[in-house]
Amino acid sequence: MPASFAFATGVYQMPNLGAGDRTFIVDDADILSLVTKNKLNNTLKNLADLTGNEVRFVTIRRLDYGETADSFTEKLFDKWFPTPEEKANQTLVVLDTLTNNDAIRIGDAVKGLMSSDITQSLVNETIQVPIREGNKYNEAFLAASDRLTNVLSGEPDPGPPEIKDGLSVQVAATFKSAEETDDKSATIVVVVLLVIATIVPMATYFWYQSFSG
């Protein structure tokens, strides 16, 4: 068997979960940090406890031959939640990291809270924008979790990341902006020039004194 097929994942290899199960993250592709997993689990557990709406994220390395992210997600949704009653309050998001294609399936009760536009925006923008910027998987799933939590709690939809010049703009960014970086660089340059302006005349004076003495 070729190595590429040996690492493919089929629905039959997924753990047996179901409605009410406390496992919310199945990171088969091993792309999420422990910190991210803990945050996601805590957020999704609280969502389930407060609203009864359950969200599960699944990552896989590659799909079986002929499988797509959509077909895999459909089959896994049916495996975990075989009846309409079990499907009702469920949301399942799957990402295949080989192609970075993702898919989502939701139950009938969830459809009353989350429109098809939001559903598609979640997988096409909230998750895909950070991934397109450099496989920022942790950022993508945390953003998806936050958005789903808002919507499934009956709160206003915060929407997808804002796109500006081909890059997403995070409202509460933890990195320094270009303006902040430029200001810091300018400050360093001024300090260095002041130091040079002070030290060079003094060094010149002492050098001159050593020769004149």
N, C-alpha and C. Protein backbone atom coordinates (compact mmCIF):
# COMPACT_ATOMS: atom_id res chain seq x y z
N MET A 1 0.85 -1.20 0.00
CA MET A 1 0.00 0.00 0.00
C MET A 1 0.87 1.24 0.00
N PRO A 2 0.66 2.20 -0.91
CA PRO A 2 1.46 3.42 -0.92
C PRO A 2 1.33 4.16 0.40
N ALA A 3 2.41 4.86 0.79
CA ALA A 3 2.42 5.57 2.07
C ALA A 3 1.32 6.60 2.14
N SER A 4 1.01 7.24 0.98
CA SER A 4 -0.01 8.29 0.98
C SER A 4 -1.36 7.75 1.40
N PHE A 5 -1.67 6.50 1.02
CA PHE A 5 -2.95 5.92 1.39
C PHE A 5 -2.93 5.44 2.83
N ALA A 6 -1.75 5.06 3.32
CA ALA A 6 -1.65 4.56 4.69
C ALA A 6 -2.03 5.64 5.70
N PHE A 7 -1.81 6.90 5.36
CA PHE A 7 -2.09 7.99 6.27
C PHE A 7 -3.46 8.63 6.02
N ALA A 8 -4.20 8.11 5.06
CA ALA A 8 -5.54 8.64 4.78
C ALA A 8 -6.48 8.25 5.92
N THR A 9 -7.47 9.10 6.15
CA THR A 9 -8.42 8.87 7.24
C THR A 9 -9.81 8.65 6.68
N GLY A 10 -10.44 7.58 7.12
CA GLY A 10 -11.82 7.30 6.75
C GLY A 10 -12.74 7.50 7.93
N VAL A 11 -14.02 7.61 7.66
CA VAL A 11 -15.00 7.82 8.72
C VAL A 11 -14.94 6.68 9.74
N TYR A 12 -14.66 5.46 9.25
CA TYR A 12 -14.61 4.29 10.13
C TYR A 12 -13.49 4.39 11.17
N GLN A 13 -12.51 5.26 10.93
CA GLN A 13 -11.40 5.41 11.87
C GLN A 13 -11.68 6.46 12.95
N MET A 14 -12.75 7.20 12.80
CA MET A 14 -13.08 8.23 13.78
C MET A 14 -13.63 7.58 15.06
N PRO A 15 -13.36 8.22 16.22
CA PRO A 15 -13.90 7.67 17.48
C PRO A 15 -15.42 7.67 17.47
N ASN A 16 -16.00 6.82 18.26
CA ASN A 16 -17.46 6.74 18.34
C ASN A 16 -17.98 7.76 19.35
N LEU A 17 -18.47 8.86 18.83
CA LEU A 17 -19.04 9.91 19.68
C LEU A 17 -20.54 9.99 19.42
N GLY A 18 -21.20 10.83 20.20
CA GLY A 18 -22.63 11.00 20.01
C GLY A 18 -23.13 12.22 20.74
N ALA A 19 -24.40 12.51 20.60
CA ALA A 19 -25.00 13.66 21.28
C ALA A 19 -24.79 13.52 22.79
N GLY A 20 -24.39 14.61 23.43
CA GLY A 20 -24.16 14.58 24.86
C GLY A 20 -22.75 14.19 25.25
N ASP A 21 -21.95 13.70 24.30
CA ASP A 21 -20.57 13.35 24.60
C ASP A 21 -19.78 14.62 24.91
N ARG A 22 -18.83 14.52 25.82
CA ARG A 22 -18.08 15.70 26.25
C ARG A 22 -16.79 15.91 25.46
N THR A 23 -16.61 15.19 24.39
CA THR A 23 -15.46 15.41 23.51
C THR A 23 -15.88 16.36 22.40
N PHE A 24 -15.22 17.52 22.36
CA PHE A 24 -15.59 18.53 21.37
C PHE A 24 -14.52 18.76 20.30
N ILE A 25 -13.30 18.26 20.57
CA ILE A 25 -12.19 18.45 19.63
C ILE A 25 -11.59 17.09 19.29
N VAL A 26 -11.52 16.77 18.01
CA VAL A 26 -10.81 15.58 17.54
C VAL A 26 -9.74 16.07 16.58
N ASP A 27 -8.53 16.29 17.10
CA ASP A 27 -7.44 16.88 16.32
C ASP A 27 -6.55 15.77 15.77
N ASP A 28 -7.09 15.00 14.83
CA ASP A 28 -6.36 13.88 14.26
C ASP A 28 -5.13 14.35 13.49
N ALA A 29 -5.18 15.56 12.94
CA ALA A 29 -4.04 16.10 12.18
C ALA A 29 -2.97 16.69 13.08
N ASP A 30 -3.28 16.82 14.36
CA ASP A 30 -2.31 17.35 15.34
C ASP A 30 -1.78 18.73 14.95
N ILE A 31 -2.71 19.64 14.69
CA ILE A 31 -2.32 20.99 14.27
C ILE A 31 -2.62 22.05 15.33
N LEU A 32 -3.35 21.67 16.37
CA LEU A 32 -3.75 22.63 17.38
C LEU A 32 -2.90 22.50 18.64
N SER A 33 -2.53 23.63 19.22
CA SER A 33 -1.73 23.61 20.43
C SER A 33 -2.58 23.17 21.61
N LEU A 34 -1.92 22.77 22.68
CA LEU A 34 -2.63 22.35 23.89
C LEU A 34 -3.43 23.50 24.47
N VAL A 35 -2.87 24.70 24.41
CA VAL A 35 -3.58 25.88 24.91
C VAL A 35 -4.87 26.11 24.12
N THR A 36 -4.77 26.00 22.80
CA THR A 36 -5.96 26.18 21.95
C THR A 36 -7.01 25.12 22.25
N LYS A 37 -6.58 23.88 22.37
CA LYS A 37 -7.53 22.79 22.66
C LYS A 37 -8.25 23.03 23.98
N ASN A 38 -7.51 23.46 24.98
CA ASN A 38 -8.14 23.72 26.28
C ASN A 38 -9.16 24.85 26.19
N LYS A 39 -8.79 25.91 25.46
CA LYS A 39 -9.72 27.04 25.30
C LYS A 39 -10.98 26.61 24.55
N LEU A 40 -10.78 25.85 23.47
CA LEU A 40 -11.92 25.39 22.69
C LEU A 40 -12.83 24.48 23.50
N ASN A 41 -12.23 23.54 24.22
CA ASN A 41 -13.02 22.62 25.03
C ASN A 41 -13.83 23.36 26.09
N ASN A 42 -13.19 24.31 26.76
CA ASN A 42 -13.89 25.07 27.81
C ASN A 42 -15.04 25.89 27.22
N THR A 43 -14.76 26.56 26.09
CA THR A 43 -15.79 27.39 25.45
C THR A 43 -16.97 26.55 24.98
N LEU A 44 -16.68 25.44 24.32
CA LEU A 44 -17.74 24.61 23.75
C LEU A 44 -18.49 23.83 24.82
N LYS A 45 -17.81 23.48 25.89
CA LYS A 45 -18.49 22.82 27.02
C LYS A 45 -19.48 23.78 27.66
N ASN A 46 -19.05 25.01 27.88
CA ASN A 46 -19.96 26.02 28.46
C ASN A 46 -21.14 26.29 27.54
N LEU A 47 -20.89 26.34 26.23
CA LEU A 47 -21.96 26.56 25.27
C LEU A 47 -23.00 25.43 25.37
N ALA A 48 -22.51 24.19 25.42
CA ALA A 48 -23.42 23.04 25.51
C ALA A 48 -24.21 23.06 26.82
N ASP A 49 -23.55 23.40 27.91
CA ASP A 49 -24.23 23.43 29.22
C ASP A 49 -25.30 24.51 29.26
N LEU A 50 -25.03 25.66 28.66
CA LEU A 50 -25.94 26.80 28.76
C LEU A 50 -27.07 26.76 27.73
N THR A 51 -26.79 26.22 26.54
CA THR A 51 -27.77 26.29 25.46
C THR A 51 -28.25 24.94 24.95
N GLY A 52 -27.49 23.87 25.21
CA GLY A 52 -27.82 22.57 24.64
C GLY A 52 -27.30 22.38 23.23
N ASN A 53 -26.69 23.43 22.67
CA ASN A 53 -26.11 23.35 21.33
C ASN A 53 -24.67 22.86 21.42
N GLU A 54 -24.37 21.81 20.68
CA GLU A 54 -23.05 21.20 20.74
C GLU A 54 -22.29 21.42 19.44
N VAL A 55 -21.03 21.82 19.56
CA VAL A 55 -20.17 22.06 18.40
C VAL A 55 -18.96 21.15 18.51
N ARG A 56 -18.61 20.52 17.41
CA ARG A 56 -17.41 19.68 17.39
C ARG A 56 -16.54 20.04 16.19
N PHE A 57 -15.22 20.17 16.47
CA PHE A 57 -14.23 20.45 15.44
C PHE A 57 -13.41 19.19 15.21
N VAL A 58 -13.21 18.84 13.94
CA VAL A 58 -12.41 17.67 13.58
C VAL A 58 -11.36 18.08 12.56
N THR A 59 -10.12 17.68 12.79
CA THR A 59 -9.06 17.90 11.79
C THR A 59 -8.49 16.55 11.39
N ILE A 60 -8.23 16.38 10.10
CA ILE A 60 -7.61 15.16 9.59
C ILE A 60 -6.48 15.52 8.65
N ARG A 61 -5.54 14.59 8.48
CA ARG A 61 -4.38 14.87 7.64
C ARG A 61 -4.71 14.78 6.15
N ARG A 62 -5.46 13.75 5.79
CA ARG A 62 -5.85 13.58 4.39
C ARG A 62 -7.05 12.67 4.33
N LEU A 63 -7.81 12.80 3.26
CA LEU A 63 -9.02 12.01 3.07
C LEU A 63 -8.72 10.74 2.29
N ASP A 64 -9.58 9.74 2.48
CA ASP A 64 -9.51 8.55 1.64
C ASP A 64 -9.70 8.93 0.18
N TYR A 65 -9.18 8.10 -0.72
CA TYR A 65 -9.30 8.35 -2.15
C TYR A 65 -10.77 8.48 -2.55
N GLY A 66 -11.09 9.53 -3.29
CA GLY A 66 -12.44 9.75 -3.74
C GLY A 66 -13.32 10.49 -2.76
N GLU A 67 -12.84 10.69 -1.55
CA GLU A 67 -13.61 11.41 -0.52
C GLU A 67 -13.35 12.90 -0.62
N THR A 68 -14.33 13.70 -0.27
CA THR A 68 -14.16 15.15 -0.19
C THR A 68 -14.46 15.59 1.23
N ALA A 69 -14.11 16.83 1.54
CA ALA A 69 -14.41 17.34 2.89
C ALA A 69 -15.91 17.29 3.15
N ASP A 70 -16.71 17.61 2.13
CA ASP A 70 -18.16 17.60 2.28
C ASP A 70 -18.71 16.20 2.50
N SER A 71 -18.25 15.25 1.69
CA SER A 71 -18.78 13.89 1.81
C SER A 71 -18.34 13.24 3.12
N PHE A 72 -17.10 13.51 3.53
CA PHE A 72 -16.60 12.98 4.81
C PHE A 72 -17.42 13.54 5.97
N THR A 73 -17.66 14.85 5.95
CA THR A 73 -18.40 15.50 7.03
C THR A 73 -19.83 14.97 7.10
N GLU A 74 -20.43 14.77 5.94
CA GLU A 74 -21.80 14.23 5.88
C GLU A 74 -21.85 12.84 6.51
N LYS A 75 -20.91 11.99 6.15
CA LYS A 75 -20.89 10.62 6.68
C LYS A 75 -20.60 10.61 8.18
N LEU A 76 -19.68 11.48 8.61
CA LEU A 76 -19.35 11.51 10.04
C LEU A 76 -20.52 12.05 10.85
N PHE A 77 -21.22 13.03 10.30
CA PHE A 77 -22.41 13.59 10.96
C PHE A 77 -23.47 12.49 11.15
N ASP A 78 -23.64 11.66 10.12
CA ASP A 78 -24.61 10.57 10.21
C ASP A 78 -24.15 9.47 11.18
N LYS A 79 -22.83 9.24 11.23
CA LYS A 79 -22.30 8.21 12.13
C LYS A 79 -22.49 8.61 13.58
N TRP A 80 -22.15 9.87 13.89
CA TRP A 80 -22.22 10.31 15.28
C TRP A 80 -23.65 10.60 15.73
N PHE A 81 -24.47 11.07 14.80
CA PHE A 81 -25.84 11.47 15.16
C PHE A 81 -26.81 10.82 14.17
N PRO A 82 -27.13 9.56 14.35
CA PRO A 82 -27.90 8.81 13.35
C PRO A 82 -29.37 9.18 13.22
N THR A 83 -29.94 9.83 14.22
CA THR A 83 -31.37 10.16 14.13
C THR A 83 -31.56 11.67 14.04
N PRO A 84 -32.70 12.13 13.49
CA PRO A 84 -32.98 13.57 13.42
C PRO A 84 -32.95 14.24 14.79
N GLU A 85 -33.40 13.52 15.82
CA GLU A 85 -33.41 14.09 17.17
C GLU A 85 -31.98 14.31 17.68
N GLU A 86 -31.10 13.38 17.37
CA GLU A 86 -29.70 13.52 17.81
C GLU A 86 -28.97 14.60 16.99
N LYS A 87 -29.36 14.77 15.75
CA LYS A 87 -28.72 15.78 14.89
C LYS A 87 -29.16 17.20 15.24
N ALA A 88 -30.34 17.36 15.79
CA ALA A 88 -31.01 18.65 15.90
C ALA A 88 -30.13 19.79 16.40
N ASN A 89 -29.42 19.59 17.49
CA ASN A 89 -28.65 20.67 18.12
C ASN A 89 -27.15 20.54 17.88
N GLN A 90 -26.78 19.89 16.80
CA GLN A 90 -25.37 19.61 16.53
C GLN A 90 -24.80 20.48 15.43
N THR A 91 -23.53 20.83 15.60
CA THR A 91 -22.74 21.51 14.56
C THR A 91 -21.41 20.77 14.44
N LEU A 92 -21.06 20.37 13.25
CA LEU A 92 -19.82 19.64 13.01
C LEU A 92 -19.01 20.36 11.94
N VAL A 93 -17.77 20.68 12.27
CA VAL A 93 -16.85 21.34 11.33
C VAL A 93 -15.64 20.44 11.14
N VAL A 94 -15.29 20.15 9.89
CA VAL A 94 -14.16 19.28 9.58
C VAL A 94 -13.19 20.01 8.66
N LEU A 95 -11.88 19.85 8.94
CA LEU A 95 -10.83 20.42 8.09
C LEU A 95 -9.86 19.33 7.68
N ASP A 96 -9.59 19.24 6.39
CA ASP A 96 -8.58 18.34 5.83
C ASP A 96 -7.32 19.18 5.59
N THR A 97 -6.25 18.91 6.33
CA THR A 97 -5.07 19.78 6.27
C THR A 97 -4.22 19.56 5.03
N LEU A 98 -4.43 18.46 4.31
CA LEU A 98 -3.66 18.27 3.07
C LEU A 98 -4.07 19.30 2.03
N THR A 99 -5.37 19.53 1.91
CA THR A 99 -5.89 20.48 0.93
C THR A 99 -6.35 21.79 1.56
N ASN A 100 -6.47 21.77 2.90
CA ASN A 100 -7.05 22.90 3.66
C ASN A 100 -8.50 23.17 3.26
N ASN A 101 -9.18 22.16 2.75
CA ASN A 101 -10.61 22.27 2.50
C ASN A 101 -11.37 21.94 3.79
N ASP A 102 -12.47 22.66 4.03
CA ASP A 102 -13.26 22.40 5.21
C ASP A 102 -14.73 22.28 4.83
N ALA A 103 -15.53 21.80 5.78
CA ALA A 103 -16.97 21.63 5.54
C ALA A 103 -17.69 21.69 6.87
N ILE A 104 -18.99 21.94 6.81
CA ILE A 104 -19.80 22.06 8.02
C ILE A 104 -21.15 21.38 7.81
N ARG A 105 -21.66 20.78 8.88
CA ARG A 105 -23.01 20.23 8.88
C ARG A 105 -23.69 20.68 10.17
N ILE A 106 -24.97 21.04 10.07
CA ILE A 106 -25.71 21.49 11.25
C ILE A 106 -27.07 20.82 11.29
N GLY A 107 -27.63 20.71 12.51
CA GLY A 107 -28.94 20.11 12.68
C GLY A 107 -30.05 21.11 12.49
N ASP A 108 -31.29 20.61 12.48
CA ASP A 108 -32.44 21.46 12.18
C ASP A 108 -32.63 22.56 13.21
N ALA A 109 -32.39 22.28 14.49
CA ALA A 109 -32.56 23.30 15.52
C ALA A 109 -31.53 24.41 15.36
N VAL A 110 -30.35 24.04 14.93
CA VAL A 110 -29.28 25.03 14.72
C VAL A 110 -29.64 25.94 13.55
N LYS A 111 -30.32 25.40 12.55
CA LYS A 111 -30.70 26.20 11.38
C LYS A 111 -31.62 27.36 11.76
N GLY A 112 -32.33 27.21 12.87
CA GLY A 112 -33.18 28.30 13.33
C GLY A 112 -32.38 29.45 13.91
N LEU A 113 -31.13 29.21 14.28
CA LEU A 113 -30.27 30.25 14.85
C LEU A 113 -29.22 30.75 13.86
N MET A 114 -28.81 29.88 12.96
CA MET A 114 -27.69 30.20 12.08
C MET A 114 -28.12 30.05 10.62
N SER A 115 -28.17 31.17 9.91
CA SER A 115 -28.58 31.16 8.52
C SER A 115 -27.54 30.46 7.65
N SER A 116 -27.95 30.11 6.44
CA SER A 116 -27.01 29.47 5.50
C SER A 116 -25.88 30.42 5.13
N ASP A 117 -26.15 31.72 5.11
CA ASP A 117 -25.09 32.70 4.82
C ASP A 117 -24.02 32.69 5.90
N ILE A 118 -24.45 32.65 7.16
CA ILE A 118 -23.49 32.60 8.27
C ILE A 118 -22.73 31.29 8.24
N THR A 119 -23.44 30.20 7.97
CA THR A 119 -22.81 28.88 7.93
C THR A 119 -21.69 28.84 6.90
N GLN A 120 -21.96 29.32 5.70
CA GLN A 120 -20.95 29.32 4.66
C GLN A 120 -19.83 30.32 4.93
N SER A 121 -20.19 31.46 5.50
CA SER A 121 -19.18 32.46 5.84
C SER A 121 -18.22 31.92 6.89
N LEU A 122 -18.75 31.11 7.79
CA LEU A 122 -17.91 30.54 8.85
C LEU A 122 -16.78 29.70 8.27
N VAL A 123 -17.11 28.81 7.32
CA VAL A 123 -16.09 27.92 6.77
C VAL A 123 -15.28 28.59 5.66
N ASN A 124 -15.90 29.51 4.93
CA ASN A 124 -15.20 30.15 3.80
C ASN A 124 -14.38 31.36 4.20
N GLU A 125 -14.72 32.00 5.33
CA GLU A 125 -14.02 33.22 5.72
C GLU A 125 -13.41 33.11 7.12
N THR A 126 -14.22 32.85 8.12
CA THR A 126 -13.70 32.82 9.50
C THR A 126 -12.57 31.82 9.65
N ILE A 127 -12.73 30.65 9.04
CA ILE A 127 -11.67 29.63 9.12
C ILE A 127 -10.63 29.80 8.02
N GLN A 128 -11.08 30.09 6.82
CA GLN A 128 -10.15 30.08 5.68
C GLN A 128 -9.22 31.29 5.62
N VAL A 129 -9.67 32.45 6.08
CA VAL A 129 -8.80 33.64 6.00
C VAL A 129 -7.50 33.45 6.79
N PRO A 130 -7.54 33.04 8.06
CA PRO A 130 -6.27 32.82 8.78
C PRO A 130 -5.43 31.71 8.15
N ILE A 131 -6.07 30.70 7.60
CA ILE A 131 -5.32 29.62 6.97
C ILE A 131 -4.61 30.11 5.71
N ARG A 132 -5.30 30.92 4.92
CA ARG A 132 -4.66 31.47 3.71
C ARG A 132 -3.51 32.40 4.05
N GLU A 133 -3.54 32.99 5.23
CA GLU A 133 -2.46 33.91 5.62
C GLU A 133 -1.21 33.18 6.10
N GLY A 134 -1.25 31.87 6.14
CA GLY A 134 -0.06 31.14 6.57
C GLY A 134 -0.36 29.99 7.50
N ASN A 135 -1.44 29.25 7.21
CA ASN A 135 -1.82 28.08 8.01
C ASN A 135 -1.93 28.40 9.51
N LYS A 136 -2.63 29.49 9.81
CA LYS A 136 -2.84 29.88 11.21
C LYS A 136 -4.05 29.11 11.75
N TYR A 137 -3.82 27.81 11.98
CA TYR A 137 -4.92 26.93 12.37
C TYR A 137 -5.49 27.28 13.74
N ASN A 138 -4.63 27.57 14.69
CA ASN A 138 -5.11 27.91 16.02
C ASN A 138 -6.01 29.15 15.99
N GLU A 139 -5.55 30.17 15.27
CA GLU A 139 -6.34 31.40 15.13
C GLU A 139 -7.67 31.12 14.44
N ALA A 140 -7.64 30.27 13.42
CA ALA A 140 -8.85 29.97 12.66
C ALA A 140 -9.92 29.30 13.52
N PHE A 141 -9.52 28.30 14.29
CA PHE A 141 -10.50 27.57 15.08
C PHE A 141 -10.97 28.36 16.30
N LEU A 142 -10.10 29.16 16.87
CA LEU A 142 -10.53 30.01 17.99
C LEU A 142 -11.55 31.04 17.51
N ALA A 143 -11.30 31.61 16.33
CA ALA A 143 -12.24 32.59 15.77
C ALA A 143 -13.57 31.93 15.45
N ALA A 144 -13.51 30.71 14.89
CA ALA A 144 -14.74 29.99 14.56
C ALA A 144 -15.53 29.66 15.83
N SER A 145 -14.82 29.26 16.86
CA SER A 145 -15.47 28.95 18.14
C SER A 145 -16.16 30.17 18.72
N ASP A 146 -15.49 31.30 18.70
CA ASP A 146 -16.07 32.54 19.24
C ASP A 146 -17.32 32.94 18.45
N ARG A 147 -17.23 32.83 17.13
CA ARG A 147 -18.37 33.24 16.30
C ARG A 147 -19.56 32.30 16.51
N LEU A 148 -19.29 31.00 16.54
CA LEU A 148 -20.36 30.03 16.75
C LEU A 148 -21.00 30.20 18.13
N THR A 149 -20.18 30.48 19.13
CA THR A 149 -20.70 30.67 20.48
C THR A 149 -21.67 31.84 20.52
N ASN A 150 -21.31 32.93 19.86
CA ASN A 150 -22.20 34.09 19.81
C ASN A 150 -23.53 33.74 19.14
N VAL A 151 -23.43 33.17 17.96
CA VAL A 151 -24.63 32.90 17.17
C VAL A 151 -25.52 31.87 17.86
N LEU A 152 -24.93 30.79 18.37
CA LEU A 152 -25.72 29.72 18.98
C LEU A 152 -26.22 30.08 20.37
N SER A 153 -25.74 31.20 20.91
CA SER A 153 -26.26 31.70 22.18
C SER A 153 -27.34 32.75 21.95
N GLY A 154 -27.67 33.00 20.69
CA GLY A 154 -28.69 34.00 20.38
C GLY A 154 -28.18 35.41 20.36
N GLU A 155 -26.85 35.58 20.38
CA GLU A 155 -26.24 36.91 20.33
C GLU A 155 -26.03 37.32 18.87
N PRO A 156 -25.81 38.62 18.62
CA PRO A 156 -25.56 39.08 17.25
C PRO A 156 -24.32 38.43 16.65
N ASP A 157 -24.37 38.15 15.37
CA ASP A 157 -23.24 37.56 14.68
C ASP A 157 -22.13 38.60 14.52
N PRO A 158 -20.92 38.33 15.06
CA PRO A 158 -19.82 39.30 14.92
C PRO A 158 -19.28 39.39 13.51
N GLY A 159 -19.63 38.42 12.66
CA GLY A 159 -19.19 38.45 11.28
C GLY A 159 -17.80 37.88 11.09
N PRO A 160 -17.37 37.78 9.84
CA PRO A 160 -16.04 37.23 9.53
C PRO A 160 -14.95 38.26 9.78
N PRO A 161 -13.68 37.84 9.68
CA PRO A 161 -12.58 38.81 9.79
C PRO A 161 -12.70 39.86 8.70
N GLU A 162 -12.36 41.08 9.03
CA GLU A 162 -12.37 42.14 8.03
C GLU A 162 -11.15 41.99 7.13
N ILE A 163 -11.37 42.04 5.83
CA ILE A 163 -10.28 41.88 4.88
C ILE A 163 -9.83 43.25 4.40
N LYS A 164 -8.54 43.51 4.50
CA LYS A 164 -7.99 44.78 4.03
C LYS A 164 -6.68 44.52 3.33
N ASP A 165 -6.64 44.88 2.04
CA ASP A 165 -5.44 44.67 1.22
C ASP A 165 -5.00 43.21 1.23
N GLY A 166 -5.98 42.30 1.21
CA GLY A 166 -5.66 40.89 1.13
C GLY A 166 -5.33 40.25 2.45
N LEU A 167 -5.36 41.00 3.55
CA LEU A 167 -5.04 40.46 4.87
C LEU A 167 -6.20 40.69 5.80
N SER A 168 -6.37 39.78 6.74
CA SER A 168 -7.44 39.97 7.72
C SER A 168 -6.99 40.94 8.79
N VAL A 169 -7.92 41.74 9.27
CA VAL A 169 -7.61 42.71 10.32
C VAL A 169 -8.32 42.26 11.59
N GLN A 170 -7.57 41.88 12.59
CA GLN A 170 -8.15 41.46 13.85
C GLN A 170 -8.41 42.67 14.73
N VAL A 171 -9.61 42.74 15.29
CA VAL A 171 -10.00 43.90 16.09
C VAL A 171 -9.12 44.03 17.33
N ALA A 172 -8.86 42.90 17.98
CA ALA A 172 -8.05 42.93 19.21
C ALA A 172 -6.73 42.26 18.92
N ALA A 173 -5.94 42.82 18.03
CA ALA A 173 -4.69 42.21 17.64
C ALA A 173 -3.68 42.25 18.78
N THR A 174 -2.90 41.15 18.90
CA THR A 174 -1.88 41.09 19.95
C THR A 174 -0.51 41.44 19.41
N PHE A 175 -0.42 41.67 18.10
CA PHE A 175 0.86 42.04 17.52
C PHE A 175 0.93 43.55 17.33
N LYS A 176 2.15 44.06 17.16
CA LYS A 176 2.33 45.49 16.99
C LYS A 176 2.00 45.88 15.56
N SER A 177 1.36 47.02 15.41
CA SER A 177 1.05 47.51 14.08
C SER A 177 2.29 48.10 13.44
N ALA A 178 2.22 48.34 12.13
CA ALA A 178 3.36 48.92 11.42
C ALA A 178 3.67 50.30 11.97
N GLU A 179 2.62 51.08 12.33
CA GLU A 179 2.83 52.42 12.87
C GLU A 179 3.57 52.37 14.20
N GLU A 180 3.16 51.40 15.05
CA GLU A 180 3.83 51.26 16.34
C GLU A 180 5.29 50.86 16.14
N THR A 181 5.53 49.97 15.19
CA THR A 181 6.90 49.53 14.92
C THR A 181 7.74 50.69 14.40
N ASP A 182 7.17 51.51 13.50
CA ASP A 182 7.90 52.66 12.95
C ASP A 182 8.21 53.67 14.05
N ASP A 183 7.24 53.93 14.96
CA ASP A 183 7.46 54.86 16.05
C ASP A 183 8.58 54.38 16.96
N LYS A 184 8.58 53.07 17.24
CA LYS A 184 9.62 52.52 18.11
C LYS A 184 10.99 52.65 17.45
N SER A 185 11.04 52.35 16.15
CA SER A 185 12.31 52.45 15.43
C SER A 185 12.82 53.88 15.41
N ALA A 186 11.90 54.82 15.20
CA ALA A 186 12.29 56.23 15.18
C ALA A 186 12.84 56.66 16.54
N THR A 187 12.22 56.19 17.61
CA THR A 187 12.69 56.53 18.96
C THR A 187 14.10 56.01 19.18
N ILE A 188 14.35 54.77 18.75
CA ILE A 188 15.69 54.17 18.92
C ILE A 188 16.73 54.97 18.17
N VAL A 189 16.40 55.37 16.94
CA VAL A 189 17.35 56.15 16.13
C VAL A 189 17.68 57.46 16.82
N VAL A 190 16.67 58.16 17.36
CA VAL A 190 16.90 59.44 18.04
C VAL A 190 17.80 59.24 19.25
N VAL A 191 17.55 58.19 20.04
CA VAL A 191 18.36 57.93 21.23
C VAL A 191 19.81 57.66 20.84
N VAL A 192 20.01 56.84 19.79
CA VAL A 192 21.36 56.52 19.34
C VAL A 192 22.09 57.78 18.89
N LEU A 193 21.40 58.65 18.15
CA LEU A 193 22.02 59.90 17.69
C LEU A 193 22.40 60.80 18.86
N LEU A 194 21.54 60.85 19.88
CA LEU A 194 21.85 61.66 21.05
C LEU A 194 23.07 61.13 21.79
N VAL A 195 23.14 59.80 21.89
CA VAL A 195 24.30 59.19 22.57
C VAL A 195 25.57 59.51 21.80
N ILE A 196 25.52 59.37 20.46
CA ILE A 196 26.69 59.66 19.64
C ILE A 196 27.09 61.13 19.78
N ALA A 197 26.07 62.00 19.77
CA ALA A 197 26.35 63.43 19.86
C ALA A 197 27.00 63.78 21.19
N THR A 198 26.75 62.99 22.23
CA THR A 198 27.34 63.27 23.54
C THR A 198 28.71 62.65 23.68
N ILE A 199 28.86 61.41 23.23
CA ILE A 199 30.10 60.66 23.45
C ILE A 199 31.22 61.11 22.53
N VAL A 200 30.92 61.35 21.26
CA VAL A 200 31.97 61.67 20.29
C VAL A 200 32.73 62.94 20.68
N PRO A 201 32.08 64.06 21.03
CA PRO A 201 32.84 65.26 21.44
C PRO A 201 33.71 65.01 22.67
N MET A 202 33.16 64.23 23.63
CA MET A 202 33.94 63.94 24.84
C MET A 202 35.17 63.11 24.50
N ALA A 203 35.00 62.10 23.64
CA ALA A 203 36.13 61.25 23.25
C ALA A 203 37.17 62.07 22.50
N THR A 204 36.70 62.95 21.65
CA THR A 204 37.62 63.81 20.89
C THR A 204 38.40 64.72 21.83
N TYR A 205 37.74 65.27 22.84
CA TYR A 205 38.38 66.16 23.79
C TYR A 205 39.48 65.43 24.57
N PHE A 206 39.15 64.24 25.09
CA PHE A 206 40.15 63.49 25.87
C PHE A 206 41.30 63.03 25.01
N TRP A 207 41.01 62.69 23.74
CA TRP A 207 42.09 62.28 22.84
C TRP A 207 43.03 63.46 22.58
N TYR A 208 42.44 64.64 22.38
CA TYR A 208 43.25 65.84 22.14
C TYR A 208 44.09 66.18 23.37
N GLN A 209 43.50 66.06 24.55
CA GLN A 209 44.21 66.37 25.80
C GLN A 209 45.38 65.43 26.01
N SER A 210 45.20 64.15 25.62
CA SER A 210 46.30 63.19 25.81
C SER A 210 47.51 63.54 24.96
N PHE A 211 47.24 64.06 23.80
CA PHE A 211 48.35 64.44 22.92
C PHE A 211 48.96 65.78 23.34
N SER A 212 48.14 66.73 23.76
CA SER A 212 48.65 68.04 24.10
C SER A 212 49.39 68.01 25.43
N GLY A 213 49.05 67.01 26.31
CA GLY A 213 49.74 66.90 27.59
C GLY A 213 51.11 66.30 27.42
